[in-house]
Structure formats: structure tokens, C-alpha cells
């Protein structure tokens, strides 16, 4: 378990982690391979844009 020094640092971490998880998590069994690859490329573009803006 990660130990956090304060509730605010915990909240900051969880905000970033949940945004990252929601961007990259796709339920593979619900879509075909072609769409899955397209969504992954789009997710990495969004991540690249977000990480350079920060």
C-alpha cells in the first residue's frame, strides 16, 4: 500500500489515477480488434496531449 502524508495528497493521486485509468481502460471482450486498436491510438494521443500540457 502507498502511504500518503495527508488526505489532500491522497486525493491528488486518486484524481490523476482515475483519469488515467478511465482513459486507457477498454473492455476488450466488448469490441472487435480493429476498433480496440483505434481506441488505443486515440487514448495515447489524448495522454500525450495531457502530459505535455501539464
Protein backbone atom coordinates (compact mmCIF):
# COMPACT_ATOMS: atom_id res chain seq x y z
CA UNK A 1 0.00 0.00 0.00
CA UNK A 2 1.09 3.51 -0.75
CA UNK A 3 1.36 5.69 2.32
CA UNK A 4 0.27 9.27 1.89
CA UNK A 5 1.26 12.11 4.21
CA UNK A 6 -2.06 13.92 4.01
CA UNK A 7 -5.61 13.47 2.71
CA UNK A 8 -5.00 16.15 0.07
CA UNK A 9 -2.02 14.29 -1.40
CA UNK A 10 -4.12 11.13 -1.45
CA UNK A 11 -6.88 12.96 -3.29
CA UNK A 12 -4.46 14.41 -5.87
CA UNK A 13 -3.06 10.97 -6.56
CA UNK A 14 -6.52 9.41 -6.89
CA UNK A 15 -7.71 12.16 -9.25
CA UNK A 16 -4.79 11.57 -11.62
CA UNK A 17 -5.01 7.78 -11.31
CA UNK A 18 -8.75 7.66 -12.05
CA UNK A 19 -8.42 9.95 -15.08
CA UNK A 20 -5.60 7.79 -16.43
CA UNK A 21 -7.46 4.56 -15.78
CA UNK A 22 -10.64 5.82 -17.44
CA UNK A 23 -8.70 6.98 -20.49
CA UNK A 24 -6.89 3.69 -21.10
CA UNK A 25 -9.26 1.01 -19.80
CA UNK A 26 -11.29 -0.65 -22.52
CA UNK A 27 -13.19 -3.86 -22.06
CA UNK A 28 -11.54 -5.83 -24.86
CA UNK A 29 -14.20 -8.54 -24.99
CA UNK A 30 -16.89 -5.98 -25.88
CA UNK A 31 -15.32 -4.63 -29.09
CA UNK A 32 -13.54 -6.07 -32.11
CA UNK A 33 -9.78 -5.88 -32.59
CA UNK A 34 -9.83 -3.11 -35.22
CA UNK A 35 -11.88 -0.77 -33.05
CA UNK A 36 -9.79 -1.66 -30.00
CA UNK A 37 -6.57 -0.63 -31.77
CA UNK A 38 -8.16 2.62 -32.96
CA UNK A 39 -9.36 3.49 -29.45
CA UNK A 40 -5.91 2.75 -28.01
CA UNK A 41 -4.24 5.07 -30.52
CA UNK A 42 -6.76 7.79 -29.66
CA UNK A 43 -6.18 7.26 -25.93
CA UNK A 44 -2.42 7.62 -26.34
CA UNK A 45 -2.91 10.83 -28.32
CA UNK A 46 -5.06 12.24 -25.52
CA UNK A 47 -2.48 11.14 -22.94
CA UNK A 48 0.35 12.73 -24.93
CA UNK A 49 -1.56 15.99 -25.19
CA UNK A 50 -2.46 15.98 -21.49
CA UNK A 51 1.03 15.12 -20.30
CA UNK A 52 2.68 17.86 -22.38
CA UNK A 53 0.15 20.44 -21.16
CA UNK A 54 0.87 19.68 -17.50
